Amino acid sequence: MDGGDRVGIELRRRAAVLAGDERAWREWYDATYDDLRGYAHWRCAGLHQIAEEVVQDTWLTAVRRARDFDPLKGSFRSWIFGIAANVVREQLRAATAREIGSSP
């Protein structure tokens, strides 16, 4: 799919999502879930519980911020991976703080 096709498809899908179309959300989810999960596990270096929290928090953030996604600036996949990168940093920072706080 060339860039123009992607933009058109993602503009229509975004409009459907914002109108409350659950099927459009499912299409986004299905198209990106496996890659997002793999990315989270890779970035969390095998810390499975944290990686799963990253995936969940990423989707919750995407739902809240769907209006911010702009297909003209990049693909949905890139956008959600950007969210995931931020969530990974937050989760790992929090895990480190918990470890430091629990040290004797």
PDB file of N, CA and C in Angstrom:
ATOM      1  N   MET A   1       0.849  -1.168   0.000  1.00  0.00           N
ATOM      2  CA  MET A   1       0.000   0.000   0.000  1.00  0.00           C
ATOM      3  C   MET A   1       0.895   1.230   0.000  1.00  0.00           C
ATOM      4  N   ASP A   2       0.639   2.145  -0.932  1.00  0.00           N
ATOM      5  CA  ASP A   2       1.459   3.354  -0.943  1.00  0.00           C
ATOM      6  C   ASP A   2       0.958   4.345   0.101  1.00  0.00           C
ATOM      7  N   GLY A   3       1.737   5.400   0.339  1.00  0.00           N
ATOM      8  CA  GLY A   3       1.428   6.362   1.390  1.00  0.00           C
ATOM      9  C   GLY A   3       0.060   6.991   1.248  1.00  0.00           C
ATOM     10  N   GLY A   4      -0.338   7.292   0.005  1.00  0.00           N
ATOM     11  CA  GLY A   4      -1.646   7.902  -0.221  1.00  0.00           C
ATOM     12  C   GLY A   4      -2.783   6.979   0.159  1.00  0.00           C
ATOM     13  N   ASP A   5      -2.656   5.706  -0.209  1.00  0.00           N
ATOM     14  CA  ASP A   5      -3.666   4.724   0.175  1.00  0.00           C
ATOM     15  C   ASP A   5      -3.742   4.594   1.693  1.00  0.00           C
ATOM     16  N   ARG A   6      -2.580   4.523   2.344  1.00  0.00           N
ATOM     17  CA  ARG A   6      -2.553   4.392   3.800  1.00  0.00           C
ATOM     18  C   ARG A   6      -3.241   5.570   4.458  1.00  0.00           C
ATOM     19  N   VAL A   7      -2.919   6.769   4.003  1.00  0.00           N
ATOM     20  CA  VAL A   7      -3.490   7.967   4.612  1.00  0.00           C
ATOM     21  C   VAL A   7      -5.007   7.961   4.456  1.00  0.00           C
ATOM     22  N   GLY A   8      -5.480   7.667   3.258  1.00  0.00           N
ATOM     23  CA  GLY A   8      -6.929   7.635   3.030  1.00  0.00           C
ATOM     24  C   GLY A   8      -7.625   6.608   3.901  1.00  0.00           C
ATOM     25  N   ILE A   9      -7.064   5.422   3.958  1.00  0.00           N
ATOM     26  CA  ILE A   9      -7.649   4.358   4.777  1.00  0.00           C
ATOM     27  C   ILE A   9      -7.643   4.762   6.244  1.00  0.00           C
ATOM     28  N   GLU A  10      -6.522   5.294   6.715  1.00  0.00           N
ATOM     29  CA  GLU A  10      -6.431   5.649   8.133  1.00  0.00           C
ATOM     30  C   GLU A  10      -7.281   6.872   8.476  1.00  0.00           C
ATOM     31  N   LEU A  11      -7.449   7.799   7.552  1.00  0.00           N
ATOM     32  CA  LEU A  11      -8.359   8.925   7.806  1.00  0.00           C
ATOM     33  C   LEU A  11      -9.796   8.425   7.962  1.00  0.00           C
ATOM     34  N   ARG A  12     -10.193   7.508   7.076  1.00  0.00           N
ATOM     35  CA  ARG A  12     -11.560   6.942   7.176  1.00  0.00           C
ATOM     36  C   ARG A  12     -11.717   6.120   8.463  1.00  0.00           C
ATOM     37  N   ARG A  13     -10.710   5.323   8.788  1.00  0.00           N
ATOM     38  CA  ARG A  13     -10.793   4.498   9.996  1.00  0.00           C
ATOM     39  C   ARG A  13     -10.833   5.384  11.246  1.00  0.00           C
ATOM     40  N   ARG A  14     -10.008   6.424  11.276  1.00  0.00           N
ATOM     41  CA  ARG A  14     -10.011   7.351  12.415  1.00  0.00           C
ATOM     42  C   ARG A  14     -11.383   8.001  12.568  1.00  0.00           C
ATOM     43  N   ALA A  15     -11.969   8.443  11.469  1.00  0.00           N
ATOM     44  CA  ALA A  15     -13.302   9.055  11.525  1.00  0.00           C
ATOM     45  C   ALA A  15     -14.325   8.054  12.070  1.00  0.00           C
ATOM     46  N   ALA A  16     -14.217   6.806  11.644  1.00  0.00           N
ATOM     47  CA  ALA A  16     -15.145   5.771  12.127  1.00  0.00           C
ATOM     48  C   ALA A  16     -14.940   5.526  13.616  1.00  0.00           C
ATOM     49  N   VAL A  17     -13.689   5.459  14.041  1.00  0.00           N
ATOM     50  CA  VAL A  17     -13.391   5.256  15.465  1.00  0.00           C
ATOM     51  C   VAL A  17     -13.974   6.397  16.287  1.00  0.00           C
ATOM     52  N   LEU A  18     -13.759   7.615  15.853  1.00  0.00           N
ATOM     53  CA  LEU A  18     -14.253   8.773  16.594  1.00  0.00           C
ATOM     54  C   LEU A  18     -15.773   8.837  16.606  1.00  0.00           C
ATOM     55  N   ALA A  19     -16.411   8.201  15.615  1.00  0.00           N
ATOM     56  CA  ALA A  19     -17.871   8.131  15.572  1.00  0.00           C
ATOM     57  C   ALA A  19     -18.407   6.973  16.415  1.00  0.00           C
ATOM     58  N   GLY A  20     -17.494   6.201  17.021  1.00  0.00           N
ATOM     59  CA  GLY A  20     -17.913   5.109  17.898  1.00  0.00           C
ATOM     60  C   GLY A  20     -18.003   3.746  17.237  1.00  0.00           C
ATOM     61  N   ASP A  21     -17.433   3.592  16.069  1.00  0.00           N
ATOM     62  CA  ASP A  21     -17.479   2.324  15.338  1.00  0.00           C
ATOM     63  C   ASP A  21     -16.512   1.314  15.965  1.00  0.00           C
ATOM     64  N   GLU A  22     -17.063   0.351  16.683  1.00  0.00           N
ATOM     65  CA  GLU A  22     -16.231  -0.660  17.360  1.00  0.00           C
ATOM     66  C   GLU A  22     -15.470  -1.526  16.363  1.00  0.00           C
ATOM     67  N   ARG A  23     -16.061  -1.760  15.204  1.00  0.00           N
ATOM     68  CA  ARG A  23     -15.384  -2.572  14.192  1.00  0.00           C
ATOM     69  C   ARG A  23     -14.100  -1.899  13.715  1.00  0.00           C
ATOM     70  N   ALA A  24     -14.123  -0.573  13.584  1.00  0.00           N
ATOM     71  CA  ALA A  24     -12.925   0.156  13.170  1.00  0.00           C
ATOM     72  C   ALA A  24     -11.835   0.017  14.226  1.00  0.00           C
ATOM     73  N   TRP A  25     -12.208   0.107  15.508  1.00  0.00           N
ATOM     74  CA  TRP A  25     -11.223  -0.114  16.579  1.00  0.00           C
ATOM     75  C   TRP A  25     -10.636  -1.515  16.475  1.00  0.00           C
ATOM     76  N   ARG A  26     -11.501  -2.481  16.237  1.00  0.00           N
ATOM     77  CA  ARG A  26     -11.054  -3.878  16.146  1.00  0.00           C
ATOM     78  C   ARG A  26     -10.064  -4.032  15.000  1.00  0.00           C
ATOM     79  N   GLU A  27     -10.297  -3.343  13.889  1.00  0.00           N
ATOM     80  CA  GLU A  27      -9.366  -3.427  12.754  1.00  0.00           C
ATOM     81  C   GLU A  27      -8.000  -2.881  13.142  1.00  0.00           C
ATOM     82  N   TRP A  28      -7.972  -1.736  13.822  1.00  0.00           N
ATOM     83  CA  TRP A  28      -6.698  -1.181  14.292  1.00  0.00           C
ATOM     84  C   TRP A  28      -6.019  -2.141  15.254  1.00  0.00           C
ATOM     85  N   TYR A  29      -6.793  -2.641  16.192  1.00  0.00           N
ATOM     86  CA  TYR A  29      -6.272  -3.545  17.217  1.00  0.00           C
ATOM     87  C   TYR A  29      -5.693  -4.801  16.570  1.00  0.00           C
ATOM     88  N   ASP A  30      -6.489  -5.425  15.719  1.00  0.00           N
ATOM     89  CA  ASP A  30      -6.045  -6.668  15.084  1.00  0.00           C
ATOM     90  C   ASP A  30      -4.809  -6.455  14.208  1.00  0.00           C
ATOM     91  N   ALA A  31      -4.730  -5.309  13.554  1.00  0.00           N
ATOM     92  CA  ALA A  31      -3.617  -5.039  12.648  1.00  0.00           C
ATOM     93  C   ALA A  31      -2.311  -4.770  13.391  1.00  0.00           C
ATOM     94  N   THR A  32      -2.391  -4.355  14.650  1.00  0.00           N
ATOM     95  CA  THR A  32      -1.169  -3.945  15.351  1.00  0.00           C
ATOM     96  C   THR A  32      -0.863  -4.726  16.625  1.00  0.00           C
ATOM     97  N   TYR A  33      -1.808  -5.490  17.143  1.00  0.00           N
ATOM     98  CA  TYR A  33      -1.626  -6.105  18.463  1.00  0.00           C
ATOM     99  C   TYR A  33      -0.371  -6.981  18.547  1.00  0.00           C
ATOM    100  N   ASP A  34      -0.199  -7.902  17.622  1.00  0.00           N
ATOM    101  CA  ASP A  34       0.930  -8.834  17.712  1.00  0.00           C
ATOM    102  C   ASP A  34       2.271  -8.100  17.675  1.00  0.00           C
ATOM    103  N   ASP A  35       2.397  -7.134  16.762  1.00  0.00           N
ATOM    104  CA  ASP A  35       3.648  -6.373  16.683  1.00  0.00           C
ATOM    105  C   ASP A  35       3.861  -5.535  17.944  1.00  0.00           C
ATOM    106  N   LEU A  36       2.795  -4.931  18.445  1.00  0.00           N
ATOM    107  CA  LEU A  36       2.905  -4.124  19.655  1.00  0.00           C
ATOM    108  C   LEU A  36       3.321  -4.982  20.844  1.00  0.00           C
ATOM    109  N   ARG A  37       2.715  -6.135  20.972  1.00  0.00           N
ATOM    110  CA  ARG A  37       3.058  -7.045  22.073  1.00  0.00           C
ATOM    111  C   ARG A  37       4.522  -7.489  21.965  1.00  0.00           C
ATOM    112  N   GLY A  38       4.951  -7.846  20.762  1.00  0.00           N
ATOM    113  CA  GLY A  38       6.350  -8.238  20.559  1.00  0.00           C
ATOM    114  C   GLY A  38       7.304  -7.108  20.893  1.00  0.00           C
ATOM    115  N   TYR A  39       6.955  -5.897  20.487  1.00  0.00           N
ATOM    116  CA  TYR A  39       7.778  -4.722  20.792  1.00  0.00           C
ATOM    117  C   TYR A  39       7.876  -4.507  22.294  1.00  0.00           C
ATOM    118  N   ALA A  40       6.758  -4.589  22.979  1.00  0.00           N
ATOM    119  CA  ALA A  40       6.755  -4.379  24.434  1.00  0.00           C
ATOM    120  C   ALA A  40       7.615  -5.428  25.129  1.00  0.00           C
ATOM    121  N   HIS A  41       7.511  -6.678  24.729  1.00  0.00           N
ATOM    122  CA  HIS A  41       8.321  -7.739  25.350  1.00  0.00           C
ATOM    123  C   HIS A  41       9.800  -7.541  25.051  1.00  0.00           C
ATOM    124  N   TRP A  42      10.115  -7.121  23.850  1.00  0.00           N
ATOM    125  CA  TRP A  42      11.518  -6.851  23.502  1.00  0.00           C
ATOM    126  C   TRP A  42      12.059  -5.703  24.337  1.00  0.00           C
ATOM    127  N   ARG A  43      11.298  -4.599  24.407  1.00  0.00           N
ATOM    128  CA  ARG A  43      11.767  -3.430  25.155  1.00  0.00           C
ATOM    129  C   ARG A  43      11.858  -3.694  26.657  1.00  0.00           C
ATOM    130  N   CYS A  44      11.041  -4.608  27.157  1.00  0.00           N
ATOM    131  CA  CYS A  44      11.044  -4.910  28.598  1.00  0.00           C
ATOM    132  C   CYS A  44      11.977  -6.073  28.921  1.00  0.00           C
ATOM    133  N   ALA A  45      12.748  -6.508  27.970  1.00  0.00           N
ATOM    134  CA  ALA A  45      13.790  -7.520  28.162  1.00  0.00           C
ATOM    135  C   ALA A  45      13.296  -8.753  28.915  1.00  0.00           C
ATOM    136  N   GLY A  46      12.137  -9.245  28.514  1.00  0.00           N
ATOM    137  CA  GLY A  46      11.641 -10.476  29.109  1.00  0.00           C
ATOM    138  C   GLY A  46      10.898 -10.319  30.420  1.00  0.00           C
ATOM    139  N   LEU A  47      10.692  -9.112  30.879  1.00  0.00           N
ATOM    140  CA  LEU A  47       9.896  -8.883  32.093  1.00  0.00           C
ATOM    141  C   LEU A  47       8.426  -8.928  31.668  1.00  0.00           C
ATOM    142  N   HIS A  48       7.888 -10.139  31.625  1.00  0.00           N
ATOM    143  CA  HIS A  48       6.583 -10.381  31.005  1.00  0.00           C
ATOM    144  C   HIS A  48       5.446  -9.599  31.647  1.00  0.00           C
ATOM    145  N   GLN A  49       5.421  -9.530  32.952  1.00  0.00           N
ATOM    146  CA  GLN A  49       4.331  -8.809  33.616  1.00  0.00           C
ATOM    147  C   GLN A  49       4.349  -7.331  33.237  1.00  0.00           C
ATOM    148  N   ILE A  50       5.520  -6.741  33.234  1.00  0.00           N
ATOM    149  CA  ILE A  50       5.629  -5.326  32.861  1.00  0.00           C
ATOM    150  C   ILE A  50       5.265  -5.154  31.386  1.00  0.00           C
ATOM    151  N   ALA A  51       5.722  -6.052  30.532  1.00  0.00           N
ATOM    152  CA  ALA A  51       5.406  -5.961  29.106  1.00  0.00           C
ATOM    153  C   ALA A  51       3.896  -6.024  28.871  1.00  0.00           C
ATOM    154  N   GLU A  52       3.215  -6.907  29.568  1.00  0.00           N
ATOM    155  CA  GLU A  52       1.760  -7.000  29.410  1.00  0.00           C
ATOM    156  C   GLU A  52       1.071  -5.733  29.912  1.00  0.00           C
ATOM    157  N   GLU A  53       1.591  -5.144  30.993  1.00  0.00           N
ATOM    158  CA  GLU A  53       1.044  -3.871  31.476  1.00  0.00           C
ATOM    159  C   GLU A  53       1.280  -2.770  30.452  1.00  0.00           C
ATOM    160  N   VAL A  54       2.424  -2.802  29.793  1.00  0.00           N
ATOM    161  CA  VAL A  54       2.725  -1.825  28.753  1.00  0.00           C
ATOM    162  C   VAL A  54       1.701  -1.920  27.629  1.00  0.00           C
ATOM    163  N   VAL A  55       1.421  -3.137  27.181  1.00  0.00           N
ATOM    164  CA  VAL A  55       0.454  -3.319  26.096  1.00  0.00           C
ATOM    165  C   VAL A  55      -0.915  -2.773  26.518  1.00  0.00           C
ATOM    166  N   GLN A  56      -1.355  -3.133  27.710  1.00  0.00           N
ATOM    167  CA  GLN A  56      -2.659  -2.674  28.190  1.00  0.00           C
ATOM    168  C   GLN A  56      -2.692  -1.149  28.331  1.00  0.00           C
ATOM    169  N   ASP A  57      -1.680  -0.574  28.951  1.00  0.00           N
ATOM    170  CA  ASP A  57      -1.643   0.880  29.138  1.00  0.00           C
ATOM    171  C   ASP A  57      -1.535   1.617  27.803  1.00  0.00           C
ATOM    172  N   THR A  58      -0.829   1.024  26.864  1.00  0.00           N
ATOM    173  CA  THR A  58      -0.715   1.635  25.542  1.00  0.00           C
ATOM    174  C   THR A  58      -2.080   1.733  24.886  1.00  0.00           C
ATOM    175  N   TRP A  59      -2.854   0.646  24.936  1.00  0.00           N
ATOM    176  CA  TRP A  59      -4.183   0.675  24.317  1.00  0.00           C
ATOM    177  C   TRP A  59      -5.117   1.627  25.054  1.00  0.00           C
ATOM    178  N   LEU A  60      -5.030   1.673  26.361  1.00  0.00           N
ATOM    179  CA  LEU A  60      -5.872   2.619  27.106  1.00  0.00           C
ATOM    180  C   LEU A  60      -5.539   4.057  26.725  1.00  0.00           C
ATOM    181  N   THR A  61      -4.262   4.347  26.583  1.00  0.00           N
ATOM    182  CA  THR A  61      -3.847   5.684  26.161  1.00  0.00           C
ATOM    183  C   THR A  61      -4.323   5.971  24.742  1.00  0.00           C
ATOM    184  N   ALA A  62      -4.198   5.006  23.857  1.00  0.00           N
ATOM    185  CA  ALA A  62      -4.641   5.196  22.473  1.00  0.00           C
ATOM    186  C   ALA A  62      -6.137   5.478  22.415  1.00  0.00           C
ATOM    187  N   VAL A  63      -6.907   4.789  23.227  1.00  0.00           N
ATOM    188  CA  VAL A  63      -8.357   5.029  23.255  1.00  0.00           C
ATOM    189  C   VAL A  63      -8.638   6.463  23.702  1.00  0.00           C
ATOM    190  N   ARG A  64      -7.961   6.901  24.752  1.00  0.00           N
ATOM    191  CA  ARG A  64      -8.183   8.256  25.264  1.00  0.00           C
ATOM    192  C   ARG A  64      -7.697   9.329  24.297  1.00  0.00           C
ATOM    193  N   ARG A  65      -6.672   9.017  23.519  1.00  0.00           N
ATOM    194  CA  ARG A  65      -6.051  10.025  22.664  1.00  0.00           C
ATOM    195  C   ARG A  65      -6.293   9.795  21.174  1.00  0.00           C
ATOM    196  N   ALA A  66      -7.258   8.991  20.821  1.00  0.00           N
ATOM    197  CA  ALA A  66      -7.507   8.668  19.406  1.00  0.00           C
ATOM    198  C   ALA A  66      -7.663   9.919  18.550  1.00  0.00           C
ATOM    199  N   ARG A  67      -8.243  10.950  19.099  1.00  0.00           N
ATOM    200  CA  ARG A  67      -8.433  12.201  18.361  1.00  0.00           C
ATOM    201  C   ARG A  67      -7.087  12.835  17.980  1.00  0.00           C
ATOM    202  N   ASP A  68      -6.030  12.527  18.734  1.00  0.00           N
ATOM    203  CA  ASP A  68      -4.694  13.093  18.468  1.00  0.00           C
ATOM    204  C   ASP A  68      -3.977  12.423  17.296  1.00  0.00           C
ATOM    205  N   PHE A  69      -4.419  11.226  16.921  1.00  0.00           N
ATOM    206  CA  PHE A  69      -3.759  10.523  15.823  1.00  0.00           C
ATOM    207  C   PHE A  69      -4.030  11.258  14.516  1.00  0.00           C
ATOM    208  N   ASP A  70      -2.953  11.579  13.798  1.00  0.00           N
ATOM    209  CA  ASP A  70      -3.059  12.278  12.518  1.00  0.00           C
ATOM    210  C   ASP A  70      -2.377  11.445  11.439  1.00  0.00           C
ATOM    211  N   PRO A  71      -3.153  10.781  10.587  1.00  0.00           N
ATOM    212  CA  PRO A  71      -2.566   9.951   9.538  1.00  0.00           C
ATOM    213  C   PRO A  71      -1.648  10.713   8.584  1.00  0.00           C
ATOM    214  N   LEU A  72      -1.803  12.019   8.509  1.00  0.00           N
ATOM    215  CA  LEU A  72      -0.935  12.805   7.636  1.00  0.00           C
ATOM    216  C   LEU A  72       0.485  12.893   8.191  1.00  0.00           C
ATOM    217  N   LYS A  73       0.642  12.662   9.485  1.00  0.00           N
ATOM    218  CA  LYS A  73       1.963  12.736  10.129  1.00  0.00           C
ATOM    219  C   LYS A  73       2.649  11.379  10.207  1.00  0.00           C
ATOM    220  N   GLY A  74       1.915  10.308  10.038  1.00  0.00           N
ATOM    221  CA  GLY A  74       2.504   8.972  10.117  1.00  0.00           C
ATOM    222  C   GLY A  74       1.430   7.921  10.278  1.00  0.00           C
ATOM    223  N   SER A  75       1.851   6.681  10.253  1.00  0.00           N
ATOM    224  CA  SER A  75       0.907   5.562  10.329  1.00  0.00           C
ATOM    225  C   SER A  75       0.410   5.347  11.761  1.00  0.00           C
ATOM    226  N   PHE A  76      -0.723   4.669  11.850  1.00  0.00           N
ATOM    227  CA  PHE A  76      -1.255   4.311  13.162  1.00  0.00           C
ATOM    228  C   PHE A  76      -0.246   3.443  13.911  1.00  0.00           C
ATOM    229  N   ARG A  77       0.383   2.546  13.195  1.00  0.00           N
ATOM    230  CA  ARG A  77       1.377   1.659  13.819  1.00  0.00           C
ATOM    231  C   ARG A  77       2.496   2.485  14.455  1.00  0.00           C
ATOM    232  N   SER A  78       3.011   3.458  13.737  1.00  0.00           N
ATOM    233  CA  SER A  78       4.069   4.317  14.286  1.00  0.00           C
ATOM    234  C   SER A  78       3.570   5.105  15.489  1.00  0.00           C
ATOM    235  N   TRP A  79       2.353   5.604  15.390  1.00  0.00           N
ATOM    236  CA  TRP A  79       1.773   6.389  16.480  1.00  0.00           C
ATOM    237  C   TRP A  79       1.635   5.545  17.745  1.00  0.00           C
ATOM    238  N   ILE A  80       1.102   4.334  17.601  1.00  0.00           N
ATOM    239  CA  ILE A  80       0.881   3.508  18.789  1.00  0.00           C
ATOM    240  C   ILE A  80       2.216   2.999  19.349  1.00  0.00           C
ATOM    241  N   PHE A  81       3.202   2.766  18.485  1.00  0.00           N
ATOM    242  CA  PHE A  81       4.522   2.391  18.981  1.00  0.00           C
ATOM    243  C   PHE A  81       5.164   3.544  19.742  1.00  0.00           C
ATOM    244  N   GLY A  82       4.913   4.772  19.320  1.00  0.00           N
ATOM    245  CA  GLY A  82       5.400   5.938  20.055  1.00  0.00           C
ATOM    246  C   GLY A  82       4.791   6.009  21.443  1.00  0.00           C
ATOM    247  N   ILE A  83       3.506   5.730  21.520  1.00  0.00           N
ATOM    248  CA  ILE A  83       2.843   5.678  22.828  1.00  0.00           C
ATOM    249  C   ILE A  83       3.488   4.579  23.668  1.00  0.00           C
ATOM    250  N   ALA A  84       3.689   3.414  23.066  1.00  0.00           N
ATOM    251  CA  ALA A  84       4.274   2.281  23.789  1.00  0.00           C
ATOM    252  C   ALA A  84       5.675   2.622  24.313  1.00  0.00           C
ATOM    253  N   ALA A  85       6.463   3.315  23.517  1.00  0.00           N
ATOM    254  CA  ALA A  85       7.819   3.688  23.959  1.00  0.00           C
ATOM    255  C   ALA A  85       7.739   4.543  25.221  1.00  0.00           C
ATOM    256  N   ASN A  86       6.807   5.474  25.261  1.00  0.00           N
ATOM    257  CA  ASN A  86       6.633   6.304  26.458  1.00  0.00           C
ATOM    258  C   ASN A  86       6.142   5.488  27.642  1.00  0.00           C
ATOM    259  N   VAL A  87       5.221   4.579  27.396  1.00  0.00           N
ATOM    260  CA  VAL A  87       4.692   3.739  28.477  1.00  0.00           C
ATOM    261  C   VAL A  87       5.794   2.829  29.019  1.00  0.00           C
ATOM    262  N   VAL A  88       6.632   2.281  28.144  1.00  0.00           N
ATOM    263  CA  VAL A  88       7.749   1.437  28.591  1.00  0.00           C
ATOM    264  C   VAL A  88       8.636   2.231  29.540  1.00  0.00           C
ATOM    265  N   ARG A  89       9.008   3.444  29.139  1.00  0.00           N
ATOM    266  CA  ARG A  89       9.858   4.273  30.007  1.00  0.00           C
ATOM    267  C   ARG A  89       9.198   4.495  31.363  1.00  0.00           C
ATOM    268  N   GLU A  90       7.914   4.817  31.365  1.00  0.00           N
ATOM    269  CA  GLU A  90       7.203   5.057  32.627  1.00  0.00           C
ATOM    270  C   GLU A  90       7.164   3.793  33.483  1.00  0.00           C
ATOM    271  N   GLN A  91       6.855   2.657  32.878  1.00  0.00           N
ATOM    272  CA  GLN A  91       6.757   1.399  33.616  1.00  0.00           C
ATOM    273  C   GLN A  91       8.117   0.989  34.185  1.00  0.00           C
ATOM    274  N   LEU A  92       9.158   1.093  33.384  1.00  0.00           N
ATOM    275  CA  LEU A  92      10.490   0.706  33.871  1.00  0.00           C
ATOM    276  C   LEU A  92      10.989   1.672  34.935  1.00  0.00           C
ATOM    277  N   ARG A  93      10.685   2.941  34.780  1.00  0.00           N
ATOM    278  CA  ARG A  93      11.056   3.926  35.803  1.00  0.00           C
ATOM    279  C   ARG A  93      10.340   3.600  37.117  1.00  0.00           C
ATOM    280  N   ALA A  94       9.059   3.279  37.038  1.00  0.00           N
ATOM    281  CA  ALA A  94       8.291   2.950  38.240  1.00  0.00           C
ATOM    282  C   ALA A  94       8.805   1.663  38.878  1.00  0.00           C
ATOM    283  N   ALA A  95       9.141   0.673  38.049  1.00  0.00           N
ATOM    284  CA  ALA A  95       9.668  -0.590  38.580  1.00  0.00           C
ATOM    285  C   ALA A  95      11.005  -0.357  39.275  1.00  0.00           C
ATOM    286  N   THR A  96      11.849   0.482  38.688  1.00  0.00           N
ATOM    287  CA  THR A  96      13.139   0.797  39.314  1.00  0.00           C
ATOM    288  C   THR A  96      12.933   1.528  40.636  1.00  0.00           C
ATOM    289  N   ALA A  97      12.008   2.468  40.669  1.00  0.00           N
ATOM    290  CA  ALA A  97      11.733   3.207  41.889  1.00  0.00           C
ATOM    291  C   ALA A  97      11.220   2.262  42.990  1.00  0.00           C
ATOM    292  N   ARG A  98      10.381   1.292  42.608  1.00  0.00           N
ATOM    293  CA  ARG A  98       9.898   0.309  43.588  1.00  0.00           C
ATOM    294  C   ARG A  98      11.041  -0.518  44.130  1.00  0.00           C
ATOM    295  N   GLU A  99      11.960  -0.922  43.227  1.00  0.00           N
ATOM    296  CA  GLU A  99      13.115  -1.718  43.657  1.00  0.00           C
ATOM    297  C   GLU A  99      14.000  -0.931  44.611  1.00  0.00           C
ATOM    298  N   ILE A 100      14.254   0.324  44.284  1.00  0.00           N
ATOM    299  CA  ILE A 100      15.105   1.166  45.134  1.00  0.00           C
ATOM    300  C   ILE A 100      14.413   1.404  46.469  1.00  0.00           C
ATOM    301  N   GLY A 101      13.118   1.635  46.430  1.00  0.00           N
ATOM    302  CA  GLY A 101      12.365   1.876  47.667  1.00  0.00           C
ATOM    303  C   GLY A 101      12.273   0.672  48.562  1.00  0.00           C
ATOM    304  N   SER A 102      12.371  -0.522  47.998  1.00  0.00           N
ATOM    305  CA  SER A 102      12.259  -1.737  48.817  1.00  0.00           C
ATOM    306  C   SER A 102      13.624  -2.249  49.290  1.00  0.00           C
ATOM    307  N   SER A 103      14.710  -1.597  48.857  1.00  0.00           N
ATOM    308  CA  SER A 103      16.039  -2.021  49.286  1.00  0.00           C
ATOM    309  C   SER A 103      16.257  -1.671  50.750  1.00  0.00           C
ATOM    310  N   PRO A 104      16.970  -2.548  51.485  1.00  0.00           N
ATOM    311  CA  PRO A 104      17.199  -2.279  52.913  1.00  0.00           C
ATOM    312  C   PRO A 104      18.127  -1.113  53.140  1.00  0.00           C
TER     313      PRO A 104
END
